[in-house]
Each structure stands twice: as C-alpha cells, then as structure tokens.
Amino acid sequence: MLMEGLVGITALVACSALYPGDYFAINVPAAKFAALGMQTTHLAALSAQVGENVVGRTGGAVSLAIGMAQVFTALPGMGRFMSYWYHFAILFEALFILTTIDAGTRVGRFVLQELLGKVYKPFEGTDSVVSSMVASLIVVGSWVYFILTGSISTIWPMFGIANQLLAVIALTVGPW
C-alpha cells in the first residue's frame, strides 16, 4: 500500500506537469472541451511528440502517460525520448490494470469458494478441483457480464477511487 501511495503521488505530479487547458483537452470529449472556453497550450506539440492524437482520450491513462513522459524527458539527456516514455507509461498502466483484475479474480474466487463452503461443505476445501472450477467460472462469468452489459464503466471509477484512498490511508498510517 505504501507503493500504491507513491503511485498516487506520482499521478498527481504527472498530471500537474500539464497545462490546465491541455489536461482538460485530453480528459474531456471534444464537444465538452469546446464549451469550457479554454485554450490549449502545447497539445499539438505533445501529440506530435508521442505520435498519437491525444485529444479527447478520456479515462486518465493518456494524461497520466503524457505527464509522466514530460517529467522523464525533463531529465538530462532524455529530451528526445518523449514517445518512448509515453508508450512505456501506457504499457505500465495496462499491465497494472490487468494484474489488478487478475488478483481481484483470484480473491473473488477464494471468497466465493469460502462462502459456498458455508452452504455446502465440499466447496470449503481449496484443494477440490470441482469447487475451484465452479467458483472460478462464477467469478469470470461475472466479469463477462459486466463487460457485455457495459456496467463495468460504473465499477471502474469506484475501484480507482477506493484503491487510491486505501493507498493514502496506508501512506498516512504506515510510518507510525
């Protein structure tokens, strides 16, 4: 959790490295950004440096990657690696998300298997292939349901907020 707190602080620093107009142009759909009346500062240059159009790429991943890339390219000798650092950050974020989903699926399976074990004793044993398969199919089936119905879009922001709040609590309490 302390490392997660560091990730949260890094995210704040990375997003603070962007001009407000650039940040909002990346994180808000183009039509809503036009209604804000803000101007971009370096957005066209940033898009050219990373080799992608970054306008209207909501969700936070792109703004975090652009901010991190700007911080890293400010280091001596790193100025020409903006595209590399941007794509590295995107890859890092994708791996973090997939690892988190994997860990969540495993925890969900164990919790479900334990709950089902309270109802039907043979499910309680974690060495049972049948109970492991049934619990795994239910948890993975739940993920498939969320993805197909689009309801994962409501869960994902709650996960991010809860994850960062837990990290801040750990960062606050940990040193004591």
Protein backbone atom coordinates (compact mmCIF):
# COMPACT_ATOMS: atom_id res chain seq x y z
CA MET A 1 0.00 0.00 0.00
CA LEU A 2 2.92 2.35 0.57
CA MET A 3 3.97 1.79 -3.04
CA GLU A 4 0.38 2.44 -4.11
CA GLY A 5 0.55 5.74 -2.21
CA LEU A 6 3.70 6.55 -4.16
CA VAL A 7 1.81 5.78 -7.37
CA GLY A 8 -0.94 8.18 -6.29
CA ILE A 9 1.57 10.95 -5.59
CA THR A 10 3.32 10.25 -8.90
CA ALA A 11 -0.03 10.53 -10.69
CA LEU A 12 -0.68 13.92 -9.08
CA VAL A 13 2.78 15.17 -10.05
CA ALA A 14 2.44 13.85 -13.60
CA CYS A 15 -0.96 15.47 -14.15
CA SER A 16 0.28 18.71 -12.56
CA ALA A 17 3.02 18.81 -15.21
CA LEU A 18 0.36 19.55 -17.84
CA TYR A 19 -1.13 22.95 -18.53
CA PRO A 20 -4.80 23.06 -17.45
CA GLY A 21 -6.08 23.54 -21.00
CA ASP A 22 -4.03 20.60 -22.26
CA TYR A 23 -5.14 18.42 -19.35
CA PHE A 24 -8.83 19.12 -19.94
CA ALA A 25 -8.49 18.74 -23.73
CA ILE A 26 -7.11 15.24 -23.15
CA ASN A 27 -9.61 14.18 -20.46
CA VAL A 28 -12.85 15.70 -21.77
CA PRO A 29 -14.68 14.86 -25.01
CA ALA A 30 -14.00 17.48 -27.69
CA ALA A 31 -17.55 18.91 -27.67
CA LYS A 32 -17.49 19.44 -23.89
CA PHE A 33 -14.00 20.94 -24.04
CA ALA A 34 -15.18 23.50 -26.61
CA ALA A 35 -17.97 24.51 -24.23
CA LEU A 36 -15.42 25.17 -21.46
CA GLY A 37 -13.88 28.04 -23.42
CA MET A 38 -10.33 27.01 -22.51
CA GLN A 39 -7.32 27.15 -24.81
CA THR A 40 -4.65 24.51 -25.22
CA THR A 41 -1.00 25.42 -24.81
CA HIS A 42 1.20 22.58 -26.05
CA LEU A 43 -1.33 19.91 -27.02
CA ALA A 44 -0.49 19.82 -30.74
CA ALA A 45 3.21 19.51 -29.96
CA LEU A 46 2.57 16.79 -27.38
CA SER A 47 0.51 14.82 -29.89
CA ALA A 48 3.27 15.14 -32.47
CA GLN A 49 5.97 14.12 -29.98
CA VAL A 50 4.17 10.93 -28.90
CA GLY A 51 2.96 10.11 -32.41
CA GLU A 52 -0.72 9.88 -31.48
CA ASN A 53 -3.73 12.15 -31.33
CA VAL A 54 -4.30 12.59 -27.60
CA VAL A 55 -7.32 14.93 -27.80
CA GLY A 56 -10.46 13.64 -26.09
CA ARG A 57 -8.85 10.46 -24.71
CA THR A 58 -10.88 10.30 -21.52
CA GLY A 59 -10.20 7.96 -18.63
CA GLY A 60 -6.97 9.44 -17.26
CA ALA A 61 -4.49 6.95 -18.73
CA VAL A 62 -3.34 9.23 -21.55
CA SER A 63 -2.98 12.34 -19.39
CA LEU A 64 -1.02 10.35 -16.82
CA ALA A 65 1.24 8.92 -19.53
CA ILE A 66 1.79 12.35 -21.14
CA GLY A 67 2.56 13.89 -17.74
CA MET A 68 4.99 11.10 -16.82
CA ALA A 69 6.66 11.37 -20.22
CA GLN A 70 7.09 15.12 -19.73
CA VAL A 71 8.67 14.56 -16.32
CA PHE A 72 11.07 11.91 -17.65
CA THR A 73 12.04 13.91 -20.75
CA ALA A 74 12.99 16.82 -18.48
CA LEU A 75 15.83 14.68 -17.12
CA PRO A 76 19.25 15.36 -18.69
CA GLY A 77 19.72 13.50 -21.97
CA MET A 78 16.13 12.25 -22.16
CA GLY A 79 14.58 15.07 -24.20
CA ARG A 80 14.27 13.08 -27.43
CA PHE A 81 12.53 10.07 -25.83
CA MET A 82 9.04 11.53 -25.34
CA SER A 83 7.34 8.87 -27.49
CA TYR A 84 9.23 6.08 -25.73
CA TRP A 85 8.30 7.30 -22.22
CA TYR A 86 4.67 7.87 -23.25
CA HIS A 87 4.28 4.35 -24.63
CA PHE A 88 6.18 2.87 -21.68
CA ALA A 89 3.72 4.56 -19.29
CA ILE A 90 0.71 3.32 -21.30
CA LEU A 91 2.13 -0.21 -21.22
CA PHE A 92 2.81 0.07 -17.48
CA GLU A 93 -0.76 1.22 -16.83
CA ALA A 94 -2.21 -1.63 -18.91
CA LEU A 95 -0.11 -4.20 -17.07
CA PHE A 96 -1.12 -2.69 -13.72
CA ILE A 97 -4.80 -2.90 -14.65
CA LEU A 98 -4.54 -6.47 -15.91
CA THR A 99 -2.59 -7.57 -12.83
CA THR A 100 -5.20 -5.94 -10.60
CA ILE A 101 -8.03 -7.69 -12.44
CA ASP A 102 -6.16 -10.99 -12.14
CA ALA A 103 -5.61 -10.53 -8.40
CA GLY A 104 -9.23 -9.44 -7.92
CA THR A 105 -10.46 -12.50 -9.78
CA ARG A 106 -8.35 -14.79 -7.61
CA VAL A 107 -9.50 -13.13 -4.40
CA GLY A 108 -13.10 -13.27 -5.62
CA ARG A 109 -12.75 -16.99 -6.31
CA PHE A 110 -11.36 -17.69 -2.85
CA VAL A 111 -14.02 -15.59 -1.11
CA LEU A 112 -16.82 -17.17 -3.15
CA GLN A 113 -15.43 -20.65 -2.55
CA GLU A 114 -15.32 -19.98 1.18
CA LEU A 115 -18.89 -18.61 1.19
CA LEU A 116 -20.16 -21.57 -0.81
CA GLY A 117 -18.33 -23.83 1.66
CA LYS A 118 -20.56 -22.49 4.43
CA VAL A 119 -23.61 -23.67 2.48
CA TYR A 120 -22.20 -26.91 1.02
CA LYS A 121 -19.18 -28.35 2.89
CA PRO A 122 -17.32 -29.91 -0.10
CA PHE A 123 -16.77 -26.40 -1.52
CA GLU A 124 -14.80 -25.42 1.56
CA GLY A 125 -11.67 -27.35 0.55
CA THR A 126 -9.37 -25.28 -1.65
CA ASP A 127 -7.76 -28.48 -2.92
CA SER A 128 -11.00 -29.55 -4.65
CA VAL A 129 -10.75 -29.15 -8.43
CA VAL A 130 -14.52 -29.12 -8.88
CA SER A 131 -15.17 -26.39 -6.29
CA SER A 132 -12.27 -24.32 -7.66
CA MET A 133 -13.62 -24.63 -11.20
CA VAL A 134 -17.20 -23.72 -10.21
CA ALA A 135 -16.10 -20.69 -8.18
CA SER A 136 -13.74 -19.60 -10.99
CA LEU A 137 -16.50 -19.91 -13.61
CA ILE A 138 -18.88 -17.84 -11.49
CA VAL A 139 -16.33 -15.04 -10.90
CA VAL A 140 -15.13 -14.97 -14.52
CA GLY A 141 -18.76 -15.15 -15.67
CA SER A 142 -19.43 -12.06 -13.54
CA TRP A 143 -16.59 -10.20 -15.30
CA VAL A 144 -18.02 -11.26 -18.67
CA TYR A 145 -21.44 -10.00 -17.62
CA PHE A 146 -20.01 -6.62 -16.56
CA ILE A 147 -18.13 -6.27 -19.83
CA LEU A 148 -21.06 -7.28 -22.07
CA THR A 149 -23.62 -5.09 -20.29
CA GLY A 150 -21.30 -2.10 -20.06
CA SER A 151 -21.86 -1.85 -16.32
CA ILE A 152 -18.11 -2.19 -15.67
CA SER A 153 -17.87 1.51 -16.54
CA THR A 154 -19.64 2.28 -13.26
CA ILE A 155 -17.45 -0.05 -11.24
CA TRP A 156 -14.09 1.04 -12.66
CA PRO A 157 -14.11 4.62 -11.27
CA MET A 158 -15.18 3.31 -7.87
CA PHE A 159 -12.30 0.81 -7.96
CA GLY A 160 -9.80 3.56 -8.80
CA ILE A 161 -11.04 5.86 -6.07
CA ALA A 162 -11.14 3.09 -3.47
CA ASN A 163 -7.66 1.93 -4.47
CA GLN A 164 -6.16 5.40 -4.15
CA LEU A 165 -7.97 6.15 -0.87
CA LEU A 166 -6.71 2.90 0.61
CA ALA A 167 -3.21 3.82 -0.52
CA VAL A 168 -3.44 7.28 1.06
CA ILE A 169 -4.60 5.75 4.33
CA ALA A 170 -1.72 3.28 4.24
CA LEU A 171 0.73 6.09 3.42
CA THR A 172 -0.63 8.11 6.35
CA VAL A 173 -0.80 5.30 8.91
CA GLY A 174 2.19 3.26 7.70
CA PRO A 175 5.01 5.42 9.07
CA TRP A 176 3.50 5.38 12.58
